Amino acid sequence: MIDMFKIGMQVLLALNGKMGRLKMSQWLQKNEVLTWEASEWNELTQILQERFKAKSNAQCSPTECSKAESLNKQEVKDSVFIIVVDIGLLDLNTDIWKEQLNFLDKYCGKAKFAWILNHDTSNTIKMELRSKGHLLMVNRPLYKAKMIQILEAAIKERNLELQKKTNAFKSMTAEGDLHECLELDP
């Protein structure tokens, strides 16, 4: 359907509302996007911990492995992992939401975040999200068109990161910063 689905993509839908989450998950899976679902904060944290622990935990039988653990290491490395978080999963009635954001910080380099906001989400929360590097925010409801925009933005961001790494490597090569390795026979 869309060329971007040919890139290995993984999406964690951490959304309130069973039907919307189910429909979006089915649509993503139909487009061959590996998908996880979480309906509340504890589920989100459990999936994240399992998924990122799974990369380093290679010893399990095929029947014991979750779908996160069964991924080929190269697929994980090459794929774009996107976490779509409903702002309603955070405990906004107290300052606990700040601690929840701090918990998510450790996954920022490993995943792209997209936040689904309510029309009345406070500017304080939006500013805190921005200060933590969470720049991709959309207002609910989450339609397919908005999901496509999220996926496209995540791919563009990943491509820019890859381009920066490539350019940095090229400049190091041009400047002669690479050290040659010499093998000596004993």
N, C-alpha and C. Protein backbone atom coordinates (compact mmCIF):
# COMPACT_ATOMS: atom_id res chain seq x y z
N MET A 1 0.83 -1.19 0.00
CA MET A 1 0.00 0.00 0.00
C MET A 1 0.88 1.26 0.00
N ILE A 2 1.70 1.41 1.02
CA ILE A 2 2.55 2.59 1.14
C ILE A 2 3.99 2.10 1.21
N ASP A 3 4.90 2.75 0.47
CA ASP A 3 6.29 2.31 0.44
C ASP A 3 6.92 2.26 1.82
N MET A 4 6.48 3.14 2.71
CA MET A 4 7.12 3.18 4.03
C MET A 4 6.92 1.88 4.80
N PHE A 5 5.92 1.09 4.43
CA PHE A 5 5.70 -0.16 5.13
C PHE A 5 6.73 -1.22 4.74
N LYS A 6 7.51 -0.94 3.69
CA LYS A 6 8.55 -1.89 3.29
C LYS A 6 9.75 -1.80 4.22
N ILE A 7 9.87 -0.69 4.93
CA ILE A 7 10.92 -0.55 5.95
C ILE A 7 10.42 -1.34 7.16
N GLY A 8 11.30 -2.05 7.81
CA GLY A 8 10.88 -2.77 9.02
C GLY A 8 10.42 -1.78 10.07
N MET A 9 9.15 -1.87 10.44
CA MET A 9 8.62 -0.96 11.45
C MET A 9 7.98 -1.76 12.57
N GLN A 10 8.10 -1.22 13.76
CA GLN A 10 7.47 -1.80 14.93
C GLN A 10 6.78 -0.67 15.67
N VAL A 11 5.55 -0.94 16.09
CA VAL A 11 4.78 0.10 16.77
C VAL A 11 4.20 -0.46 18.06
N LEU A 12 4.40 0.29 19.12
CA LEU A 12 3.76 0.00 20.39
C LEU A 12 2.64 1.01 20.56
N LEU A 13 1.41 0.52 20.53
CA LEU A 13 0.23 1.38 20.70
C LEU A 13 -0.16 1.37 22.18
N ALA A 14 0.15 2.42 22.89
CA ALA A 14 -0.21 2.55 24.30
C ALA A 14 -1.36 3.56 24.36
N LEU A 15 -2.55 3.04 24.10
CA LEU A 15 -3.71 3.91 23.93
C LEU A 15 -4.88 3.50 24.81
N ASN A 16 -5.58 4.51 25.32
CA ASN A 16 -6.86 4.26 25.97
C ASN A 16 -7.87 3.92 24.88
N GLY A 17 -8.89 3.21 25.21
CA GLY A 17 -9.95 2.92 24.24
C GLY A 17 -9.66 1.64 23.47
N LYS A 18 -10.33 0.58 23.86
CA LYS A 18 -10.07 -0.74 23.29
C LYS A 18 -10.33 -0.80 21.79
N MET A 19 -11.44 -0.26 21.32
CA MET A 19 -11.80 -0.37 19.90
C MET A 19 -10.82 0.39 19.00
N GLY A 20 -10.49 1.61 19.37
CA GLY A 20 -9.56 2.39 18.57
C GLY A 20 -8.19 1.74 18.49
N ARG A 21 -7.73 1.23 19.62
CA ARG A 21 -6.43 0.56 19.67
C ARG A 21 -6.47 -0.72 18.83
N LEU A 22 -7.54 -1.48 18.95
CA LEU A 22 -7.68 -2.73 18.20
C LEU A 22 -7.73 -2.47 16.70
N LYS A 23 -8.52 -1.49 16.27
CA LYS A 23 -8.64 -1.17 14.84
C LYS A 23 -7.29 -0.70 14.27
N MET A 24 -6.60 0.17 15.01
CA MET A 24 -5.31 0.67 14.54
C MET A 24 -4.30 -0.48 14.48
N SER A 25 -4.31 -1.33 15.48
CA SER A 25 -3.40 -2.47 15.51
C SER A 25 -3.66 -3.40 14.33
N GLN A 26 -4.91 -3.69 14.05
CA GLN A 26 -5.26 -4.55 12.92
C GLN A 26 -4.81 -3.94 11.60
N TRP A 27 -5.02 -2.65 11.44
CA TRP A 27 -4.61 -1.98 10.21
C TRP A 27 -3.09 -2.03 10.04
N LEU A 28 -2.36 -1.77 11.13
CA LEU A 28 -0.90 -1.82 11.07
C LEU A 28 -0.42 -3.24 10.73
N GLN A 29 -1.01 -4.23 11.37
CA GLN A 29 -0.63 -5.62 11.12
C GLN A 29 -0.94 -6.03 9.68
N LYS A 30 -2.05 -5.54 9.16
CA LYS A 30 -2.41 -5.81 7.76
C LYS A 30 -1.33 -5.26 6.83
N ASN A 31 -0.69 -4.20 7.26
CA ASN A 31 0.40 -3.58 6.48
C ASN A 31 1.78 -4.08 6.93
N GLU A 32 1.79 -5.22 7.60
CA GLU A 32 3.01 -5.92 8.00
C GLU A 32 3.88 -5.13 8.97
N VAL A 33 3.25 -4.39 9.85
CA VAL A 33 3.96 -3.68 10.90
C VAL A 33 3.79 -4.50 12.19
N LEU A 34 4.91 -4.88 12.79
CA LEU A 34 4.88 -5.61 14.04
C LEU A 34 4.31 -4.69 15.11
N THR A 35 3.30 -5.16 15.83
CA THR A 35 2.56 -4.29 16.73
C THR A 35 2.38 -4.90 18.11
N TRP A 36 2.52 -4.05 19.12
CA TRP A 36 2.20 -4.40 20.50
C TRP A 36 1.10 -3.46 20.96
N GLU A 37 0.32 -3.88 21.93
CA GLU A 37 -0.74 -3.05 22.47
C GLU A 37 -0.64 -2.97 23.99
N ALA A 38 -0.87 -1.77 24.51
CA ALA A 38 -0.94 -1.55 25.95
C ALA A 38 -2.12 -0.64 26.22
N SER A 39 -2.88 -0.97 27.26
CA SER A 39 -4.05 -0.17 27.57
C SER A 39 -3.87 0.68 28.82
N GLU A 40 -2.76 0.42 29.55
CA GLU A 40 -2.50 1.22 30.74
C GLU A 40 -1.01 1.29 31.01
N TRP A 41 -0.60 2.15 31.93
CA TRP A 41 0.80 2.46 32.17
C TRP A 41 1.63 1.22 32.48
N ASN A 42 1.17 0.38 33.40
CA ASN A 42 1.95 -0.79 33.79
C ASN A 42 2.19 -1.74 32.62
N GLU A 43 1.21 -1.87 31.76
CA GLU A 43 1.38 -2.71 30.56
C GLU A 43 2.44 -2.11 29.64
N LEU A 44 2.42 -0.81 29.47
CA LEU A 44 3.41 -0.11 28.65
C LEU A 44 4.82 -0.37 29.18
N THR A 45 5.02 -0.19 30.47
CA THR A 45 6.35 -0.38 31.04
C THR A 45 6.81 -1.83 30.92
N GLN A 46 5.89 -2.77 31.11
CA GLN A 46 6.24 -4.19 31.01
C GLN A 46 6.68 -4.54 29.60
N ILE A 47 5.94 -4.07 28.60
CA ILE A 47 6.29 -4.35 27.20
C ILE A 47 7.65 -3.75 26.87
N LEU A 48 7.89 -2.51 27.29
CA LEU A 48 9.18 -1.87 27.01
C LEU A 48 10.33 -2.63 27.65
N GLN A 49 10.16 -3.02 28.90
CA GLN A 49 11.22 -3.75 29.58
C GLN A 49 11.47 -5.10 28.92
N GLU A 50 10.42 -5.81 28.55
CA GLU A 50 10.58 -7.10 27.88
C GLU A 50 11.23 -6.94 26.52
N ARG A 51 10.78 -5.96 25.77
CA ARG A 51 11.29 -5.78 24.41
C ARG A 51 12.78 -5.43 24.41
N PHE A 52 13.19 -4.53 25.28
CA PHE A 52 14.58 -4.11 25.27
C PHE A 52 15.48 -5.05 26.05
N LYS A 53 14.94 -5.78 26.98
CA LYS A 53 15.71 -6.83 27.64
C LYS A 53 15.91 -7.98 26.67
N ALA A 54 14.94 -8.23 25.81
CA ALA A 54 14.97 -9.34 24.86
C ALA A 54 16.14 -9.22 23.91
N LYS A 55 16.54 -8.01 23.57
CA LYS A 55 17.66 -7.82 22.64
C LYS A 55 18.94 -8.42 23.19
N SER A 56 19.12 -8.34 24.49
CA SER A 56 20.35 -8.84 25.08
C SER A 56 20.19 -10.25 25.63
N ASN A 57 18.95 -10.74 25.73
CA ASN A 57 18.71 -12.06 26.28
C ASN A 57 18.44 -13.03 25.14
N ALA A 58 19.46 -13.74 24.71
CA ALA A 58 19.32 -14.60 23.54
C ALA A 58 19.03 -16.04 23.90
N GLN A 59 19.03 -16.41 25.18
CA GLN A 59 18.83 -17.80 25.56
C GLN A 59 17.40 -18.03 26.00
N CYS A 60 16.60 -18.57 25.08
CA CYS A 60 15.25 -19.02 25.41
C CYS A 60 14.82 -19.98 24.32
N SER A 61 13.98 -20.91 24.70
CA SER A 61 13.49 -21.85 23.68
C SER A 61 12.45 -21.13 22.84
N PRO A 62 12.20 -21.59 21.60
CA PRO A 62 11.23 -20.91 20.75
C PRO A 62 9.85 -20.79 21.38
N THR A 63 9.46 -21.74 22.20
CA THR A 63 8.14 -21.66 22.82
C THR A 63 8.11 -20.66 23.97
N GLU A 64 9.28 -20.35 24.55
CA GLU A 64 9.33 -19.40 25.66
C GLU A 64 9.50 -17.96 25.19
N CYS A 65 9.94 -17.77 23.98
CA CYS A 65 10.22 -16.42 23.48
C CYS A 65 8.94 -15.68 23.18
N SER A 66 8.89 -14.42 23.60
CA SER A 66 7.78 -13.57 23.18
C SER A 66 8.08 -13.12 21.76
N LYS A 67 7.14 -12.45 21.13
CA LYS A 67 7.42 -12.01 19.75
C LYS A 67 8.55 -10.99 19.72
N ALA A 68 8.73 -10.26 20.81
CA ALA A 68 9.85 -9.32 20.86
C ALA A 68 11.17 -10.07 20.87
N GLU A 69 11.24 -11.17 21.59
CA GLU A 69 12.47 -11.93 21.70
C GLU A 69 12.78 -12.73 20.46
N SER A 70 11.76 -13.04 19.67
CA SER A 70 11.97 -13.88 18.50
C SER A 70 12.44 -13.09 17.28
N LEU A 71 12.55 -11.79 17.41
CA LEU A 71 12.99 -10.98 16.29
C LEU A 71 14.46 -11.22 15.98
N ASN A 72 14.76 -11.25 14.72
CA ASN A 72 16.13 -11.34 14.25
C ASN A 72 16.84 -10.06 14.69
N LYS A 73 18.07 -10.17 15.18
CA LYS A 73 18.80 -8.99 15.67
C LYS A 73 18.94 -7.92 14.60
N GLN A 74 19.18 -8.33 13.35
CA GLN A 74 19.34 -7.36 12.27
C GLN A 74 18.02 -6.64 12.01
N GLU A 75 16.89 -7.39 12.10
CA GLU A 75 15.58 -6.76 11.90
C GLU A 75 15.36 -5.67 12.95
N VAL A 76 15.73 -5.96 14.19
CA VAL A 76 15.56 -4.99 15.27
C VAL A 76 16.43 -3.77 15.01
N LYS A 77 17.68 -4.02 14.61
CA LYS A 77 18.62 -2.91 14.37
C LYS A 77 18.17 -2.02 13.21
N ASP A 78 17.67 -2.63 12.14
CA ASP A 78 17.28 -1.89 10.95
C ASP A 78 15.90 -1.27 11.03
N SER A 79 15.09 -1.71 11.96
CA SER A 79 13.71 -1.26 12.00
C SER A 79 13.56 0.07 12.74
N VAL A 80 12.41 0.66 12.54
CA VAL A 80 12.04 1.89 13.25
C VAL A 80 11.04 1.47 14.32
N PHE A 81 11.36 1.75 15.57
CA PHE A 81 10.46 1.41 16.67
C PHE A 81 9.77 2.68 17.14
N ILE A 82 8.45 2.68 17.08
CA ILE A 82 7.66 3.87 17.42
C ILE A 82 6.74 3.54 18.58
N ILE A 83 6.76 4.38 19.58
CA ILE A 83 5.87 4.22 20.73
C ILE A 83 4.85 5.34 20.67
N VAL A 84 3.60 4.96 20.47
CA VAL A 84 2.50 5.92 20.41
C VAL A 84 1.82 5.89 21.77
N VAL A 85 1.93 7.00 22.51
CA VAL A 85 1.44 7.04 23.88
C VAL A 85 0.28 8.02 24.01
N ASP A 86 -0.80 7.52 24.54
CA ASP A 86 -1.95 8.35 24.88
C ASP A 86 -1.62 9.10 26.17
N ILE A 87 -1.74 10.40 26.15
CA ILE A 87 -1.42 11.21 27.32
C ILE A 87 -2.25 10.77 28.54
N GLY A 88 -3.40 10.17 28.28
CA GLY A 88 -4.27 9.68 29.35
C GLY A 88 -3.68 8.52 30.14
N LEU A 89 -2.62 7.90 29.65
CA LEU A 89 -1.98 6.83 30.41
C LEU A 89 -1.12 7.37 31.55
N LEU A 90 -0.75 8.64 31.45
CA LEU A 90 0.04 9.27 32.51
C LEU A 90 -0.89 9.70 33.64
N ASP A 91 -0.37 9.69 34.85
CA ASP A 91 -1.14 10.12 36.02
C ASP A 91 -1.01 11.64 36.12
N LEU A 92 -1.93 12.34 35.46
CA LEU A 92 -1.85 13.80 35.38
C LEU A 92 -2.44 14.51 36.60
N ASN A 93 -3.07 13.75 37.50
CA ASN A 93 -3.69 14.36 38.68
C ASN A 93 -2.66 14.71 39.75
N THR A 94 -1.50 14.11 39.67
CA THR A 94 -0.41 14.38 40.62
C THR A 94 0.86 14.65 39.80
N ASP A 95 1.96 14.84 40.48
CA ASP A 95 3.22 15.05 39.78
C ASP A 95 3.88 13.74 39.34
N ILE A 96 3.18 12.63 39.51
CA ILE A 96 3.72 11.32 39.12
C ILE A 96 4.01 11.29 37.62
N TRP A 97 3.26 12.05 36.83
CA TRP A 97 3.47 12.04 35.38
C TRP A 97 4.89 12.46 35.02
N LYS A 98 5.52 13.30 35.83
CA LYS A 98 6.91 13.70 35.56
C LYS A 98 7.85 12.52 35.76
N GLU A 99 7.59 11.72 36.79
CA GLU A 99 8.39 10.51 37.02
C GLU A 99 8.17 9.51 35.89
N GLN A 100 6.94 9.43 35.41
CA GLN A 100 6.65 8.53 34.29
C GLN A 100 7.43 8.96 33.05
N LEU A 101 7.49 10.26 32.79
CA LEU A 101 8.29 10.75 31.66
C LEU A 101 9.77 10.44 31.86
N ASN A 102 10.25 10.58 33.09
CA ASN A 102 11.64 10.25 33.38
C ASN A 102 11.92 8.78 33.08
N PHE A 103 10.97 7.90 33.40
CA PHE A 103 11.13 6.48 33.10
C PHE A 103 11.26 6.27 31.59
N LEU A 104 10.46 6.96 30.81
CA LEU A 104 10.49 6.80 29.35
C LEU A 104 11.77 7.35 28.72
N ASP A 105 12.46 8.25 29.44
CA ASP A 105 13.70 8.86 28.93
C ASP A 105 14.72 7.81 28.49
N LYS A 106 14.80 6.70 29.22
CA LYS A 106 15.83 5.71 28.88
C LYS A 106 15.56 5.00 27.56
N TYR A 107 14.38 5.20 26.98
CA TYR A 107 14.04 4.58 25.70
C TYR A 107 14.09 5.58 24.54
N CYS A 108 14.41 6.83 24.82
CA CYS A 108 14.41 7.86 23.78
C CYS A 108 15.38 7.58 22.65
N GLY A 109 16.55 7.08 22.93
CA GLY A 109 17.50 6.77 21.87
C GLY A 109 17.18 5.49 21.13
N LYS A 110 16.32 4.67 21.70
CA LYS A 110 16.00 3.38 21.12
C LYS A 110 14.69 3.39 20.35
N ALA A 111 13.88 4.40 20.56
CA ALA A 111 12.56 4.45 19.95
C ALA A 111 12.17 5.90 19.66
N LYS A 112 11.23 6.05 18.76
CA LYS A 112 10.64 7.36 18.47
C LYS A 112 9.31 7.41 19.21
N PHE A 113 9.03 8.54 19.82
CA PHE A 113 7.78 8.70 20.56
C PHE A 113 6.82 9.60 19.81
N ALA A 114 5.55 9.23 19.86
CA ALA A 114 4.48 10.08 19.36
C ALA A 114 3.44 10.15 20.48
N TRP A 115 2.99 11.34 20.79
CA TRP A 115 2.05 11.53 21.88
C TRP A 115 0.68 11.90 21.33
N ILE A 116 -0.34 11.24 21.84
CA ILE A 116 -1.72 11.55 21.48
C ILE A 116 -2.28 12.40 22.62
N LEU A 117 -2.56 13.65 22.31
CA LEU A 117 -3.01 14.61 23.32
C LEU A 117 -4.51 14.83 23.26
N ASN A 118 -5.05 15.28 24.37
CA ASN A 118 -6.44 15.72 24.41
C ASN A 118 -6.46 17.18 23.98
N HIS A 119 -7.60 17.66 23.55
CA HIS A 119 -7.69 19.06 23.12
C HIS A 119 -7.41 20.02 24.28
N ASP A 120 -7.58 19.54 25.52
CA ASP A 120 -7.36 20.41 26.68
C ASP A 120 -6.07 20.07 27.45
N THR A 121 -5.15 19.37 26.82
CA THR A 121 -3.88 19.07 27.47
C THR A 121 -3.17 20.39 27.78
N SER A 122 -2.71 20.53 29.00
CA SER A 122 -2.14 21.81 29.44
C SER A 122 -0.83 22.12 28.73
N ASN A 123 -0.55 23.40 28.62
CA ASN A 123 0.71 23.86 28.02
C ASN A 123 1.91 23.40 28.85
N THR A 124 1.72 23.28 30.16
CA THR A 124 2.80 22.82 31.04
C THR A 124 3.25 21.42 30.62
N ILE A 125 2.29 20.55 30.36
CA ILE A 125 2.61 19.18 29.95
C ILE A 125 3.25 19.18 28.57
N LYS A 126 2.71 19.97 27.66
CA LYS A 126 3.29 20.05 26.31
C LYS A 126 4.73 20.56 26.36
N MET A 127 4.98 21.57 27.18
CA MET A 127 6.34 22.11 27.30
C MET A 127 7.29 21.08 27.89
N GLU A 128 6.82 20.32 28.87
CA GLU A 128 7.65 19.28 29.47
C GLU A 128 7.97 18.19 28.46
N LEU A 129 6.98 17.80 27.66
CA LEU A 129 7.22 16.81 26.61
C LEU A 129 8.28 17.32 25.63
N ARG A 130 8.15 18.58 25.21
CA ARG A 130 9.13 19.16 24.28
C ARG A 130 10.52 19.20 24.90
N SER A 131 10.59 19.58 26.18
CA SER A 131 11.90 19.67 26.84
C SER A 131 12.58 18.31 26.94
N LYS A 132 11.79 17.25 26.93
CA LYS A 132 12.34 15.89 26.99
C LYS A 132 12.63 15.34 25.58
N GLY A 133 12.39 16.16 24.55
CA GLY A 133 12.67 15.73 23.19
C GLY A 133 11.51 15.05 22.50
N HIS A 134 10.34 15.06 23.12
CA HIS A 134 9.16 14.45 22.52
C HIS A 134 8.44 15.53 21.70
N LEU A 135 8.82 15.64 20.45
CA LEU A 135 8.32 16.73 19.62
C LEU A 135 7.11 16.33 18.79
N LEU A 136 6.87 15.04 18.63
CA LEU A 136 5.77 14.57 17.80
C LEU A 136 4.52 14.41 18.65
N MET A 137 3.59 15.34 18.48
CA MET A 137 2.34 15.33 19.26
C MET A 137 1.18 15.58 18.31
N VAL A 138 0.14 14.79 18.46
CA VAL A 138 -1.08 14.99 17.67
C VAL A 138 -2.27 14.94 18.61
N ASN A 139 -3.32 15.65 18.23
CA ASN A 139 -4.54 15.63 19.03
C ASN A 139 -5.40 14.44 18.65
N ARG A 140 -6.11 13.95 19.64
CA ARG A 140 -7.02 12.84 19.37
C ARG A 140 -8.21 13.34 18.60
N PRO A 141 -8.89 12.49 17.92
CA PRO A 141 -8.73 11.04 17.82
C PRO A 141 -7.60 10.68 16.85
N LEU A 142 -7.09 9.46 17.01
CA LEU A 142 -6.00 8.97 16.17
C LEU A 142 -6.61 8.23 14.98
N TYR A 143 -6.59 8.89 13.83
CA TYR A 143 -7.08 8.29 12.59
C TYR A 143 -5.91 7.69 11.83
N LYS A 144 -6.21 6.90 10.80
CA LYS A 144 -5.16 6.31 9.97
C LYS A 144 -4.28 7.39 9.35
N ALA A 145 -4.89 8.48 8.91
CA ALA A 145 -4.11 9.56 8.29
C ALA A 145 -3.09 10.14 9.27
N LYS A 146 -3.48 10.30 10.53
CA LYS A 146 -2.55 10.80 11.54
C LYS A 146 -1.47 9.76 11.82
N MET A 147 -1.84 8.48 11.82
CA MET A 147 -0.85 7.43 12.04
C MET A 147 0.16 7.41 10.90
N ILE A 148 -0.30 7.61 9.69
CA ILE A 148 0.62 7.67 8.54
C ILE A 148 1.58 8.83 8.72
N GLN A 149 1.09 9.98 9.18
CA GLN A 149 1.96 11.13 9.42
C GLN A 149 2.99 10.82 10.50
N ILE A 150 2.58 10.10 11.54
CA ILE A 150 3.49 9.71 12.61
C ILE A 150 4.58 8.79 12.05
N LEU A 151 4.17 7.79 11.27
CA LEU A 151 5.12 6.85 10.69
C LEU A 151 6.10 7.56 9.76
N GLU A 152 5.58 8.45 8.92
CA GLU A 152 6.44 9.19 7.99
C GLU A 152 7.43 10.07 8.74
N ALA A 153 6.97 10.74 9.80
CA ALA A 153 7.85 11.60 10.59
C ALA A 153 8.96 10.78 11.25
N ALA A 154 8.61 9.61 11.77
CA ALA A 154 9.61 8.75 12.42
C ALA A 154 10.64 8.26 11.42
N ILE A 155 10.19 7.92 10.22
CA ILE A 155 11.12 7.45 9.18
C ILE A 155 12.04 8.59 8.75
N LYS A 156 11.48 9.79 8.57
CA LYS A 156 12.31 10.94 8.20
C LYS A 156 13.37 11.21 9.27
N GLU A 157 12.96 11.14 10.52
CA GLU A 157 13.90 11.37 11.62
C GLU A 157 15.01 10.32 11.61
N ARG A 158 14.63 9.06 11.41
CA ARG A 158 15.63 7.99 11.35
C ARG A 158 16.58 8.19 10.18
N ASN A 159 16.03 8.56 9.01
CA ASN A 159 16.87 8.79 7.84
C ASN A 159 17.84 9.94 8.06
N LEU A 160 17.39 11.00 8.73
CA LEU A 160 18.28 12.13 9.05
C LEU A 160 19.41 11.68 9.98
N GLU A 161 19.06 10.84 10.97
CA GLU A 161 20.08 10.33 11.89
C GLU A 161 21.10 9.49 11.14
N LEU A 162 20.63 8.62 10.23
CA LEU A 162 21.53 7.79 9.44
C LEU A 162 22.42 8.65 8.54
N GLN A 163 21.82 9.69 7.96
CA GLN A 163 22.58 10.59 7.08
C GLN A 163 23.66 11.32 7.88
N LYS A 164 23.33 11.76 9.09
CA LYS A 164 24.32 12.44 9.93
C LYS A 164 25.48 11.50 10.25
N LYS A 165 25.15 10.24 10.58
CA LYS A 165 26.20 9.26 10.88
C LYS A 165 27.08 9.03 9.66
N THR A 166 26.45 8.91 8.50
CA THR A 166 27.21 8.70 7.26
C THR A 166 28.10 9.90 6.97
N ASN A 167 27.56 11.10 7.10
CA ASN A 167 28.34 12.31 6.86
C ASN A 167 29.49 12.44 7.86
N ALA A 168 29.25 12.08 9.11
CA ALA A 168 30.31 12.14 10.12
C ALA A 168 31.42 11.16 9.76
N PHE A 169 31.04 9.97 9.30
CA PHE A 169 32.04 8.97 8.91
C PHE A 169 32.83 9.46 7.70
N LYS A 170 32.12 10.05 6.71
CA LYS A 170 32.80 10.57 5.53
C LYS A 170 33.77 11.68 5.90
N SER A 171 33.38 12.56 6.80
CA SER A 171 34.26 13.65 7.17
C SER A 171 35.47 13.12 7.95
N MET A 172 35.27 12.09 8.75
CA MET A 172 36.40 11.49 9.46
C MET A 172 37.37 10.87 8.47
N THR A 173 36.83 10.21 7.46
CA THR A 173 37.67 9.58 6.44
C THR A 173 38.43 10.65 5.66
N ALA A 174 37.74 11.72 5.30
CA ALA A 174 38.36 12.79 4.53
C ALA A 174 39.47 13.48 5.33
N GLU A 175 39.25 13.61 6.63
CA GLU A 175 40.23 14.29 7.48
C GLU A 175 41.33 13.35 7.93
N GLY A 176 41.21 12.07 7.62
CA GLY A 176 42.23 11.11 8.01
C GLY A 176 42.19 10.74 9.47
N ASP A 177 41.02 10.89 10.11
CA ASP A 177 40.91 10.56 11.52
C ASP A 177 40.81 9.06 11.78
N LEU A 178 40.66 8.28 10.74
CA LEU A 178 40.57 6.85 10.94
C LEU A 178 41.96 6.28 11.17
N HIS A 179 42.07 5.41 12.10
CA HIS A 179 43.36 4.79 12.40
C HIS A 179 43.46 3.46 11.68
N GLU A 180 44.59 3.23 11.07
CA GLU A 180 44.79 1.97 10.38
C GLU A 180 45.18 0.90 11.37
N CYS A 181 44.74 -0.31 11.07
CA CYS A 181 45.08 -1.45 11.92
C CYS A 181 46.18 -2.22 11.22
N LEU A 182 47.22 -2.52 11.95
CA LEU A 182 48.36 -3.25 11.41
C LEU A 182 48.44 -4.61 12.10
N GLU A 183 48.46 -5.67 11.32
CA GLU A 183 48.58 -7.01 11.91
C GLU A 183 50.03 -7.42 11.86
N LEU A 184 50.53 -7.84 12.98
CA LEU A 184 51.92 -8.29 13.06
C LEU A 184 51.95 -9.79 13.33
N ASP A 185 52.77 -10.50 12.60
CA ASP A 185 52.91 -11.93 12.85
C ASP A 185 53.77 -12.13 14.09
N PRO A 186 53.37 -13.04 14.98
CA PRO A 186 54.19 -13.27 16.17
C PRO A 186 55.46 -14.02 15.86
